[in-house]
Amino acid sequence: MRIDRLEWLESFVAVAKLSSFSRAARLLHSSQSRVSLHVANLERATGHTLVDRSHVPCTLTAKGETFLPRAEEILVKLRDAVDELNTESGSLVGAVTLGVIPSISAVLCPGMLAQLQLEEPGISVNLLERTSAELLEKVGAGHAQLAIVSQFSSLPSIPDSQRLWWEPYVAVVRQNSPDFQGVEVVAPGDLAEVTLGLTGAPGLSIDPEMRAAFDLWELEPRIADFRTEQPQTLLNMCKAGLLTPVINLLAFRSCDHEGLRAIAIAGDYGREVSVVANTAVPLTPIGQYVRDLILAIPLPAGVRSLQPQRSDAGDTS
């Protein structure tokens, strides 16, 4: 038996993890025909059928199940060996792409990157700022090794995820507005009395994350005709008296909110934030280091930790 190409193992592992030749091809930035050829060549080299292609999604044969952990071990050891060559005096050298929701990026990333630069100056981080749904697609396709996302009911389950924190949704009003005067917490049903402003992608009446919130609150909101993807623009519309934004707390705090106040929306439903990775591709030592740093850095103000090992919580002031 002779396995001539590392690509054969990479394609086999990706197909095994994703149960799909087409999804494996997207992950590896290759074509489906090439991935199929790689697996076929590996099967010829081993003398065994490793993937059952007779139904969709494809599955591993018994021989494939036996071979998979060995193939993964080979790839991990080779990746670790290359990482060791890129290490100077115990420091890590390389790059990682980190996907982040914009409101979280603005609050969390500057301090995290400053700490990273002090501890491991050889690591460069490329930030990819998108919605949670888009970031999960990027991680699944291999365009980002890690992502910090919000988890909500309409998203698929995320197998390799670690919860970070919970933050409330808030309604935003002008400080001199008659709406919700003297109120510290507003009931979801009371939001029906005002015209709400939401962030969201063009073409969507309500962003899926907020749709999940309104469904839980049993609220059919009156939405303003003005739409924007940017929280700062939404808050400026509030300053102009056009609408009452409903956004997550960190989005409010990451923007210029002078003259505005945020009122917590009653109940336990809020944004749960997690760091996720692609289970089909083992994290590199650099990726592991960045994920460990994300799990250890101080929490943003106003959030509640969801990490069992942590007792601290963000400053609620």
Foldseek 3Di string as FASTA:
>chain_A
DDQDDLLLLQLLLLCAQVLALCLSCLQVVHHSVVSVVSPVVVCVVVVHQFWAPPDPSIHGDPVVVVCNVVSQVVVQVVLQVVQVVCDDPNAGADEFEEEEAVLCCLQPVVVLVVVCCVPHVRYYYHYHHDAQQVVVVCQSSNVGFKYKYWDDDVDDDADFKDWWWWFFKWKKAFPPDPPCPPAQEAEPVSQQVWAEAEEDDPPDPHHPVVVRVCVVSVHDHHYFPDYHNQLQVVLVCRVVVRGIYIGTPSSCVSYPNPRMDIHTYDDDDTTIIIMHGHPSHDDRPVRVVSNVSSNPDDDAARIGTPHPVDDDGHNPD
